[in-house]
């Protein structure tokens, strides 16, 4: 009978040890998951900020308030002016012939 009780006590201690190890592993895995979730949230915030910045720059370009858009518009005006000047000069030369 005493051997049976000792065996039972050893099995109980083994189960308690296994339970403690499982609880520790669960705790470690939960901490790891929390770390992943935190990094994911940080990356999502950075991505959102980047997309917002690009959207704002696109709006500035489209609305013409960006230096890039202003330069592009000025370049277009210059080209149109040069083309009209060339057309006028060509027209004058042809009328003189």
PDB file of N, CA and C in Angstrom:
ATOM      1  N   UNK A   1       0.830  -1.190   0.000  1.00  0.00           N
ATOM      2  CA  UNK A   1       0.000   0.000   0.000  1.00  0.00           C
ATOM      3  C   UNK A   1       0.878   1.259   0.000  1.00  0.00           C
ATOM      4  N   UNK A   2       1.923   1.238   0.797  1.00  0.00           N
ATOM      5  CA  UNK A   2       2.798   2.398   0.870  1.00  0.00           C
ATOM      6  C   UNK A   2       3.480   2.632  -0.470  1.00  0.00           C
ATOM      7  N   UNK A   3       3.846   1.562  -1.183  1.00  0.00           N
ATOM      8  CA  UNK A   3       4.465   1.709  -2.505  1.00  0.00           C
ATOM      9  C   UNK A   3       3.496   2.360  -3.487  1.00  0.00           C
ATOM     10  N   UNK A   4       2.263   1.997  -3.393  1.00  0.00           N
ATOM     11  CA  UNK A   4       1.243   2.582  -4.253  1.00  0.00           C
ATOM     12  C   UNK A   4       1.079   4.068  -3.965  1.00  0.00           C
ATOM     13  N   UNK A   5       1.099   4.454  -2.694  1.00  0.00           N
ATOM     14  CA  UNK A   5       1.003   5.872  -2.327  1.00  0.00           C
ATOM     15  C   UNK A   5       2.218   6.649  -2.805  1.00  0.00           C
ATOM     16  N   UNK A   6       3.404   6.060  -2.688  1.00  0.00           N
ATOM     17  CA  UNK A   6       4.622   6.726  -3.158  1.00  0.00           C
ATOM     18  C   UNK A   6       4.582   6.927  -4.671  1.00  0.00           C
ATOM     19  N   UNK A   7       4.127   5.872  -5.363  1.00  0.00           N
ATOM     20  CA  UNK A   7       3.997   5.970  -6.819  1.00  0.00           C
ATOM     21  C   UNK A   7       3.003   7.070  -7.182  1.00  0.00           C
ATOM     22  N   UNK A   8       1.901   7.115  -6.495  1.00  0.00           N
ATOM     23  CA  UNK A   8       0.875   8.129  -6.726  1.00  0.00           C
ATOM     24  C   UNK A   8       1.430   9.531  -6.453  1.00  0.00           C
ATOM     25  N   UNK A   9       2.193   9.681  -5.377  1.00  0.00           N
ATOM     26  CA  UNK A   9       2.805  10.964  -5.018  1.00  0.00           C
ATOM     27  C   UNK A   9       3.809  11.393  -6.088  1.00  0.00           C
ATOM     28  N   UNK A  10       4.612  10.451  -6.579  1.00  0.00           N
ATOM     29  CA  UNK A  10       5.589  10.770  -7.634  1.00  0.00           C
ATOM     30  C   UNK A  10       4.889  11.200  -8.920  1.00  0.00           C
ATOM     31  N   UNK A  11       3.829  10.496  -9.274  1.00  0.00           N
ATOM     32  CA  UNK A  11       3.065  10.864 -10.472  1.00  0.00           C
ATOM     33  C   UNK A  11       2.448  12.247 -10.314  1.00  0.00           C
ATOM     34  N   UNK A  12       1.929  12.509  -9.132  1.00  0.00           N
ATOM     35  CA  UNK A  12       1.342  13.827  -8.867  1.00  0.00           C
ATOM     36  C   UNK A  12       2.398  14.923  -8.989  1.00  0.00           C
ATOM     37  N   UNK A  13       3.599  14.694  -8.451  1.00  0.00           N
ATOM     38  CA  UNK A  13       4.678  15.678  -8.559  1.00  0.00           C
ATOM     39  C   UNK A  13       5.092  15.871 -10.018  1.00  0.00           C
ATOM     40  N   UNK A  14       5.118  14.769 -10.769  1.00  0.00           N
ATOM     41  CA  UNK A  14       5.459  14.846 -12.196  1.00  0.00           C
ATOM     42  C   UNK A  14       4.424  15.686 -12.957  1.00  0.00           C
ATOM     43  N   UNK A  15       3.149  15.457 -12.672  1.00  0.00           N
ATOM     44  CA  UNK A  15       2.086  16.235 -13.317  1.00  0.00           C
ATOM     45  C   UNK A  15       2.163  17.711 -12.935  1.00  0.00           C
ATOM     46  N   UNK A  16       2.479  17.981 -11.672  1.00  0.00           N
ATOM     47  CA  UNK A  16       2.615  19.373 -11.233  1.00  0.00           C
ATOM     48  C   UNK A  16       3.788  20.052 -11.934  1.00  0.00           C
ATOM     49  N   UNK A  17       4.877  19.315 -12.095  1.00  0.00           N
ATOM     50  CA  UNK A  17       6.049  19.852 -12.788  1.00  0.00           C
ATOM     51  C   UNK A  17       5.703  20.135 -14.259  1.00  0.00           C
ATOM     52  N   UNK A  18       5.011  19.181 -14.895  1.00  0.00           N
ATOM     53  CA  UNK A  18       4.613  19.379 -16.287  1.00  0.00           C
ATOM     54  C   UNK A  18       3.666  20.572 -16.425  1.00  0.00           C
ATOM     55  N   UNK A  19       2.759  20.708 -15.470  1.00  0.00           N
ATOM     56  CA  UNK A  19       1.836  21.835 -15.474  1.00  0.00           C
ATOM     57  C   UNK A  19       2.590  23.160 -15.329  1.00  0.00           C
ATOM     58  N   UNK A  20       3.557  23.213 -14.425  1.00  0.00           N
ATOM     59  CA  UNK A  20       4.344  24.431 -14.211  1.00  0.00           C
ATOM     60  C   UNK A  20       5.126  24.783 -15.475  1.00  0.00           C
ATOM     61  N   UNK A  21       5.675  23.771 -16.149  1.00  0.00           N
ATOM     62  CA  UNK A  21       6.417  24.022 -17.383  1.00  0.00           C
ATOM     63  C   UNK A  21       5.478  24.533 -18.487  1.00  0.00           C
ATOM     64  N   UNK A  22       4.302  23.943 -18.549  1.00  0.00           N
ATOM     65  CA  UNK A  22       3.332  24.379 -19.559  1.00  0.00           C
ATOM     66  C   UNK A  22       2.888  25.815 -19.298  1.00  0.00           C
ATOM     67  N   UNK A  23       2.644  26.162 -18.030  1.00  0.00           N
ATOM     68  CA  UNK A  23       2.250  27.528 -17.668  1.00  0.00           C
ATOM     69  C   UNK A  23       3.369  28.510 -18.028  1.00  0.00           C
ATOM     70  N   UNK A  24       4.620  28.111 -17.774  1.00  0.00           N
ATOM     71  CA  UNK A  24       5.760  28.966 -18.106  1.00  0.00           C
ATOM     72  C   UNK A  24       5.861  29.158 -19.624  1.00  0.00           C
ATOM     73  N   UNK A  25       5.673  28.082 -20.368  1.00  0.00           N
ATOM     74  CA  UNK A  25       5.740  28.180 -21.825  1.00  0.00           C
ATOM     75  C   UNK A  25       4.613  29.070 -22.361  1.00  0.00           C
ATOM     76  N   UNK A  26       3.430  28.929 -21.801  1.00  0.00           N
ATOM     77  CA  UNK A  26       2.298  29.776 -22.209  1.00  0.00           C
ATOM     78  C   UNK A  26       2.626  31.240 -21.957  1.00  0.00           C
ATOM     79  N   UNK A  27       3.201  31.513 -20.813  1.00  0.00           N
ATOM     80  CA  UNK A  27       3.567  32.884 -20.462  1.00  0.00           C
ATOM     81  C   UNK A  27       4.596  33.442 -21.449  1.00  0.00           C
ATOM     82  N   UNK A  28       5.602  32.640 -21.789  1.00  0.00           N
ATOM     83  CA  UNK A  28       6.620  33.074 -22.745  1.00  0.00           C
ATOM     84  C   UNK A  28       6.015  33.328 -24.134  1.00  0.00           C
ATOM     85  N   UNK A  29       5.138  32.428 -24.556  1.00  0.00           N
ATOM     86  CA  UNK A  29       4.511  32.582 -25.868  1.00  0.00           C
ATOM     87  C   UNK A  29       3.585  33.803 -25.917  1.00  0.00           C
ATOM     88  N   UNK A  30       2.881  34.059 -24.813  1.00  0.00           N
ATOM     89  CA  UNK A  30       2.028  35.253 -24.755  1.00  0.00           C
ATOM     90  C   UNK A  30       2.866  36.527 -24.819  1.00  0.00           C
ATOM     91  N   UNK A  31       4.019  36.535 -24.149  1.00  0.00           N
ATOM     92  CA  UNK A  31       4.911  37.696 -24.187  1.00  0.00           C
ATOM     93  C   UNK A  31       5.447  37.899 -25.602  1.00  0.00           C
ATOM     94  N   UNK A  32       5.789  36.799 -26.251  1.00  0.00           N
ATOM     95  CA  UNK A  32       6.281  36.873 -27.625  1.00  0.00           C
ATOM     96  C   UNK A  32       5.189  37.415 -28.559  1.00  0.00           C
ATOM     97  N   UNK A  33       3.979  36.928 -28.395  1.00  0.00           N
ATOM     98  CA  UNK A  33       2.853  37.396 -29.199  1.00  0.00           C
ATOM     99  C   UNK A  33       2.604  38.885 -28.978  1.00  0.00           C
ATOM    100  N   UNK A  34       2.677  39.320 -27.732  1.00  0.00           N
ATOM    101  CA  UNK A  34       2.488  40.736 -27.426  1.00  0.00           C
ATOM    102  C   UNK A  34       3.569  41.576 -28.115  1.00  0.00           C
ATOM    103  N   UNK A  35       4.803  41.080 -28.127  1.00  0.00           N
ATOM    104  CA  UNK A  35       5.887  41.775 -28.821  1.00  0.00           C
ATOM    105  C   UNK A  35       5.611  41.884 -30.314  1.00  0.00           C
ATOM    106  N   UNK A  36       5.142  40.782 -30.919  1.00  0.00           N
ATOM    107  CA  UNK A  36       4.796  40.813 -32.344  1.00  0.00           C
ATOM    108  C   UNK A  36       3.674  41.808 -32.621  1.00  0.00           C
ATOM    109  N   UNK A  37       2.665  41.802 -31.761  1.00  0.00           N
ATOM    110  CA  UNK A  37       1.546  42.729 -31.943  1.00  0.00           C
ATOM    111  C   UNK A  37       2.000  44.173 -31.818  1.00  0.00           C
ATOM    112  N   UNK A  38       2.909  44.445 -30.891  1.00  0.00           N
ATOM    113  CA  UNK A  38       3.419  45.808 -30.728  1.00  0.00           C
ATOM    114  C   UNK A  38       4.197  46.244 -31.964  1.00  0.00           C
ATOM    115  N   UNK A  39       5.041  45.364 -32.479  1.00  0.00           N
ATOM    116  CA  UNK A  39       5.814  45.699 -33.685  1.00  0.00           C
ATOM    117  C   UNK A  39       4.891  45.887 -34.885  1.00  0.00           C
ATOM    118  N   UNK A  40       3.863  45.062 -34.968  1.00  0.00           N
ATOM    119  CA  UNK A  40       2.909  45.191 -36.068  1.00  0.00           C
ATOM    120  C   UNK A  40       2.207  46.540 -35.986  1.00  0.00           C
ATOM    121  N   UNK A  41       1.785  46.928 -34.799  1.00  0.00           N
ATOM    122  CA  UNK A  41       1.112  48.219 -34.633  1.00  0.00           C
ATOM    123  C   UNK A  41       2.035  49.368 -35.023  1.00  0.00           C
ATOM    124  N   UNK A  42       3.292  49.273 -34.633  1.00  0.00           N
ATOM    125  CA  UNK A  42       4.257  50.326 -34.974  1.00  0.00           C
ATOM    126  C   UNK A  42       4.447  50.404 -36.485  1.00  0.00           C
ATOM    127  N   UNK A  43       4.529  49.250 -37.144  1.00  0.00           N
ATOM    128  CA  UNK A  43       4.707  49.246 -38.596  1.00  0.00           C
ATOM    129  C   UNK A  43       3.465  49.802 -39.297  1.00  0.00           C
ATOM    130  N   UNK A  44       2.294  49.470 -38.797  1.00  0.00           N
ATOM    131  CA  UNK A  44       1.061  49.989 -39.391  1.00  0.00           C
ATOM    132  C   UNK A  44       1.003  51.503 -39.243  1.00  0.00           C
ATOM    133  N   UNK A  45       1.400  52.024 -38.077  1.00  0.00           N
ATOM    134  CA  UNK A  45       1.414  53.466 -37.874  1.00  0.00           C
ATOM    135  C   UNK A  45       2.402  54.147 -38.820  1.00  0.00           C
ATOM    136  N   UNK A  46       3.586  53.552 -38.984  1.00  0.00           N
ATOM    137  CA  UNK A  46       4.581  54.123 -39.906  1.00  0.00           C
ATOM    138  C   UNK A  46       4.070  54.104 -41.334  1.00  0.00           C
ATOM    139  N   UNK A  47       3.457  52.995 -41.732  1.00  0.00           N
ATOM    140  CA  UNK A  47       2.912  52.886 -43.078  1.00  0.00           C
ATOM    141  C   UNK A  47       1.816  53.928 -43.301  1.00  0.00           C
ATOM    142  N   UNK A  48       0.946  54.084 -42.333  1.00  0.00           N
ATOM    143  CA  UNK A  48      -0.130  55.071 -42.444  1.00  0.00           C
ATOM    144  C   UNK A  48       0.447  56.475 -42.584  1.00  0.00           C
ATOM    145  N   UNK A  49       1.454  56.785 -41.796  1.00  0.00           N
ATOM    146  CA  UNK A  49       2.091  58.096 -41.855  1.00  0.00           C
ATOM    147  C   UNK A  49       2.737  58.321 -43.217  1.00  0.00           C
ATOM    148  N   UNK A  50       3.412  57.306 -43.730  1.00  0.00           N
ATOM    149  CA  UNK A  50       4.051  57.415 -45.036  1.00  0.00           C
ATOM    150  C   UNK A  50       3.016  57.627 -46.134  1.00  0.00           C
ATOM    151  N   UNK A  51       1.948  56.864 -46.081  1.00  0.00           N
ATOM    152  CA  UNK A  51       0.893  57.009 -47.083  1.00  0.00           C
ATOM    153  C   UNK A  51       0.233  58.385 -47.000  1.00  0.00           C
ATOM    154  N   UNK A  52       0.020  58.875 -45.788  1.00  0.00           N
ATOM    155  CA  UNK A  52      -0.566  60.208 -45.611  1.00  0.00           C
ATOM    156  C   UNK A  52       0.350  61.276 -46.190  1.00  0.00           C
ATOM    157  N   UNK A  53       1.659  61.159 -45.943  1.00  0.00           N
ATOM    158  CA  UNK A  53       2.623  62.115 -46.475  1.00  0.00           C
ATOM    159  C   UNK A  53       2.612  62.091 -48.001  1.00  0.00           C
ATOM    160  N   UNK A  54       2.608  60.898 -48.583  1.00  0.00           N
ATOM    161  CA  UNK A  54       2.582  60.796 -50.040  1.00  0.00           C
ATOM    162  C   UNK A  54       1.282  61.358 -50.608  1.00  0.00           C
ATOM    163  N   UNK A  55       0.183  61.112 -49.937  1.00  0.00           N
ATOM    164  CA  UNK A  55      -1.105  61.634 -50.383  1.00  0.00           C
ATOM    165  C   UNK A  55      -1.090  63.167 -50.361  1.00  0.00           C
ATOM    166  N   UNK A  56      -0.576  63.740 -49.290  1.00  0.00           N
ATOM    167  CA  UNK A  56      -0.514  65.199 -49.185  1.00  0.00           C
ATOM    168  C   UNK A  56       0.377  65.780 -50.282  1.00  0.00           C
ATOM    169  N   UNK A  57       1.501  65.145 -50.567  1.00  0.00           N
ATOM    170  CA  UNK A  57       2.399  65.621 -51.620  1.00  0.00           C
ATOM    171  C   UNK A  57       1.718  65.505 -52.979  1.00  0.00           C
ATOM    172  N   UNK A  58       1.005  64.420 -53.203  1.00  0.00           N
ATOM    173  CA  UNK A  58       0.268  64.265 -54.463  1.00  0.00           C
ATOM    174  C   UNK A  58      -0.772  65.374 -54.607  1.00  0.00           C
ATOM    175  N   UNK A  59      -1.470  65.693 -53.532  1.00  0.00           N
ATOM    176  CA  UNK A  59      -2.455  66.780 -53.589  1.00  0.00           C
ATOM    177  C   UNK A  59      -1.788  68.121 -53.889  1.00  0.00           C
ATOM    178  N   UNK A  60      -0.610  68.356 -53.283  1.00  0.00           N
ATOM    179  CA  UNK A  60       0.114  69.601 -53.559  1.00  0.00           C
ATOM    180  C   UNK A  60       0.536  69.672 -55.026  1.00  0.00           C
ATOM    181  N   UNK A  61       0.971  68.547 -55.571  1.00  0.00           N
ATOM    182  CA  UNK A  61       1.396  68.527 -56.972  1.00  0.00           C
ATOM    183  C   UNK A  61       0.199  68.784 -57.877  1.00  0.00           C
ATOM    184  N   UNK A  62      -0.893  68.106 -57.618  1.00  0.00           N
ATOM    185  CA  UNK A  62      -2.089  68.257 -58.448  1.00  0.00           C
ATOM    186  C   UNK A  62      -2.665  69.666 -58.347  1.00  0.00           C
ATOM    187  N   UNK A  63      -2.636  70.228 -57.148  1.00  0.00           N
ATOM    188  CA  UNK A  63      -3.217  71.562 -56.965  1.00  0.00           C
ATOM    189  C   UNK A  63      -2.284  72.658 -57.468  1.00  0.00           C
ATOM    190  N   UNK A  64      -1.031  72.308 -57.753  1.00  0.00           N
ATOM    191  CA  UNK A  64      -0.118  73.294 -58.306  1.00  0.00           C
ATOM    192  C   UNK A  64       0.628  74.096 -57.270  1.00  0.00           C
ATOM    193  N   UNK A  65       0.537  73.743 -56.009  1.00  0.00           N
ATOM    194  CA  UNK A  65       1.238  74.512 -54.982  1.00  0.00           C
ATOM    195  C   UNK A  65       2.602  73.911 -54.658  1.00  0.00           C
ATOM    196  N   UNK A  66       2.973  72.859 -55.342  1.00  0.00           N
ATOM    197  CA  UNK A  66       4.275  72.231 -55.111  1.00  0.00           C
ATOM    198  C   UNK A  66       5.325  72.896 -55.993  1.00  0.00           C
ATOM    199  N   UNK A  67       6.553  73.024 -55.508  1.00  0.00           N
ATOM    200  CA  UNK A  67       7.613  73.564 -56.361  1.00  0.00           C
ATOM    201  C   UNK A  67       7.761  72.754 -57.640  1.00  0.00           C
ATOM    202  N   UNK A  68       7.579  71.445 -57.533  1.00  0.00           N
ATOM    203  CA  UNK A  68       7.665  70.586 -58.707  1.00  0.00           C
ATOM    204  C   UNK A  68       6.572  70.939 -59.705  1.00  0.00           C
ATOM    205  N   UNK A  69       5.363  71.107 -59.231  1.00  0.00           N
ATOM    206  CA  UNK A  69       4.250  71.445 -60.122  1.00  0.00           C
ATOM    207  C   UNK A  69       4.435  72.840 -60.690  1.00  0.00           C
ATOM    208  N   UNK A  70       4.872  73.781 -59.866  1.00  0.00           N
ATOM    209  CA  UNK A  70       5.089  75.152 -60.329  1.00  0.00           C
ATOM    210  C   UNK A  70       6.157  75.170 -61.412  1.00  0.00           C
ATOM    211  N   UNK A  71       7.229  74.436 -61.203  1.00  0.00           N
ATOM    212  CA  UNK A  71       8.302  74.365 -62.191  1.00  0.00           C
ATOM    213  C   UNK A  71       7.762  73.751 -63.476  1.00  0.00           C
ATOM    214  N   UNK A  72       6.990  72.681 -63.355  1.00  0.00           N
ATOM    215  CA  UNK A  72       6.417  72.017 -64.533  1.00  0.00           C
ATOM    216  C   UNK A  72       5.484  72.937 -65.294  1.00  0.00           C
ATOM    217  N   UNK A  73       4.659  73.671 -64.572  1.00  0.00           N
ATOM    218  CA  UNK A  73       3.726  74.598 -65.222  1.00  0.00           C
ATOM    219  C   UNK A  73       4.490  75.721 -65.915  1.00  0.00           C
ATOM    220  N   UNK A  74       5.517  76.237 -65.279  1.00  0.00           N
ATOM    221  CA  UNK A  74       6.334  77.299 -65.874  1.00  0.00           C
ATOM    222  C   UNK A  74       7.023  76.781 -67.124  1.00  0.00           C
ATOM    223  N   UNK A  75       7.514  75.577 -67.079  1.00  0.00           N
ATOM    224  CA  UNK A  75       8.166  74.970 -68.234  1.00  0.00           C
ATOM    225  C   UNK A  75       7.178  74.850 -69.395  1.00  0.00           C
ATOM    226  N   UNK A  76       5.951  74.434 -69.084  1.00  0.00           N
ATOM    227  CA  UNK A  76       4.916  74.315 -70.124  1.00  0.00           C
ATOM    228  C   UNK A  76       4.593  75.676 -70.725  1.00  0.00           C
ATOM    229  N   UNK A  77       4.462  76.701 -69.879  1.00  0.00           N
ATOM    230  CA  UNK A  77       4.167  78.056 -70.391  1.00  0.00           C
ATOM    231  C   UNK A  77       5.289  78.529 -71.315  1.00  0.00           C
ATOM    232  N   UNK A  78       6.533  78.251 -70.932  1.00  0.00           N
ATOM    233  CA  UNK A  78       7.679  78.645 -71.737  1.00  0.00           C
ATOM    234  C   UNK A  78       7.659  77.933 -73.084  1.00  0.00           C
ATOM    235  N   UNK A  79       7.344  76.663 -73.083  1.00  0.00           N
ATOM    236  CA  UNK A  79       7.281  75.915 -74.337  1.00  0.00           C
ATOM    237  C   UNK A  79       6.191  76.463 -75.251  1.00  0.00           C
ATOM    238  N   UNK A  80       5.022  76.757 -74.689  1.00  0.00           N
ATOM    239  CA  UNK A  80       3.920  77.309 -75.479  1.00  0.00           C
ATOM    240  C   UNK A  80       4.331  78.658 -76.061  1.00  0.00           C
ATOM    241  N   UNK A  81       4.958  79.489 -75.233  1.00  0.00           N
ATOM    242  CA  UNK A  81       5.404  80.804 -75.693  1.00  0.00           C
ATOM    243  C   UNK A  81       6.420  80.658 -76.828  1.00  0.00           C
ATOM    244  N   UNK A  82       7.370  79.749 -76.672  1.00  0.00           N
ATOM    245  CA  UNK A  82       8.381  79.544 -77.708  1.00  0.00           C
ATOM    246  C   UNK A  82       7.737  79.030 -78.996  1.00  0.00           C
ATOM    247  N   UNK A  83       6.775  78.139 -78.874  1.00  0.00           N
ATOM    248  CA  UNK A  83       6.097  77.604 -80.054  1.00  0.00           C
ATOM    249  C   UNK A  83       5.332  78.702 -80.769  1.00  0.00           C
ATOM    250  N   UNK A  84       4.619  79.547 -79.992  1.00  0.00           N
ATOM    251  CA  UNK A  84       3.863  80.640 -80.614  1.00  0.00           C
ATOM    252  C   UNK A  84       4.809  81.632 -81.289  1.00  0.00           C
ATOM    253  N   UNK A  85       5.918  81.915 -80.627  1.00  0.00           N
ATOM    254  CA  UNK A  85       6.903  82.819 -81.232  1.00  0.00           C
ATOM    255  C   UNK A  85       7.438  82.238 -82.529  1.00  0.00           C
ATOM    256  N   UNK A  86       7.719  80.942 -82.514  1.00  0.00           N
ATOM    257  CA  UNK A  86       8.232  80.297 -83.720  1.00  0.00           C
ATOM    258  C   UNK A  86       7.184  80.321 -84.824  1.00  0.00           C
ATOM    259  N   UNK A  87       5.923  80.089 -84.454  1.00  0.00           N
ATOM    260  CA  UNK A  87       4.849  80.127 -85.455  1.00  0.00           C
ATOM    261  C   UNK A  87       4.702  81.529 -86.044  1.00  0.00           C
ATOM    262  N   UNK A  88       4.791  82.541 -85.186  1.00  0.00           N
ATOM    263  CA  UNK A  88       4.687  83.917 -85.680  1.00  0.00           C
ATOM    264  C   UNK A  88       5.846  84.245 -86.624  1.00  0.00           C
ATOM    265  N   UNK A  89       7.044  83.843 -86.240  1.00  0.00           N
ATOM    266  CA  UNK A  89       8.213  84.109 -87.064  1.00  0.00           C
ATOM    267  C   UNK A  89       8.095  83.358 -88.387  1.00  0.00           C
ATOM    268  N   UNK A  90       7.652  82.126 -88.348  1.00  0.00           N
ATOM    269  CA  UNK A  90       7.498  81.340 -89.569  1.00  0.00           C
ATOM    270  C   UNK A  90       6.422  81.953 -90.448  1.00  0.00           C
ATOM    271  N   UNK A  91       5.338  82.391 -89.827  1.00  0.00           N
ATOM    272  CA  UNK A  91       4.267  83.039 -90.586  1.00  0.00           C
ATOM    273  C   UNK A  91       4.733  84.331 -91.239  1.00  0.00           C
ATOM    274  N   UNK A  92       5.534  85.137 -90.547  1.00  0.00           N
ATOM    275  CA  UNK A  92       6.057  86.385 -91.104  1.00  0.00           C
ATOM    276  C   UNK A  92       7.012  86.105 -92.259  1.00  0.00           C
ATOM    277  N   UNK A  93       7.845  85.069 -92.070  1.00  0.00           N
ATOM    278  CA  UNK A  93       8.801  84.750 -93.124  1.00  0.00           C
ATOM    279  C   UNK A  93       8.070  84.276 -94.372  1.00  0.00           C
ATOM    280  N   UNK A  94       7.021  83.494 -94.177  1.00  0.00           N
ATOM    281  CA  UNK A  94       6.283  82.984 -95.325  1.00  0.00           C
ATOM    282  C   UNK A  94       5.540  84.101 -96.037  1.00  0.00           C
ATOM    283  N   UNK A  95       5.042  85.081 -95.273  1.00  0.00           N
ATOM    284  CA  UNK A  95       4.320  86.179 -95.903  1.00  0.00           C
ATOM    285  C   UNK A  95       5.263  87.111 -96.659  1.00  0.00           C
ATOM    286  N   UNK A  96       6.528  87.138 -96.287  1.00  0.00           N
ATOM    287  CA  UNK A  96       7.491  87.979 -96.970  1.00  0.00           C
ATOM    288  C   UNK A  96       7.972  87.335 -98.253  1.00  0.00           C
ATOM    289  N   UNK A  97       7.803  86.056 -98.397  1.00  0.00           N
ATOM    290  CA  UNK A  97       8.311  85.344 -99.595  1.00  0.00           C
ATOM    291  C   UNK A  97       7.406  85.498-100.740  1.00  0.00           C
TER     292      UNK A  97
END
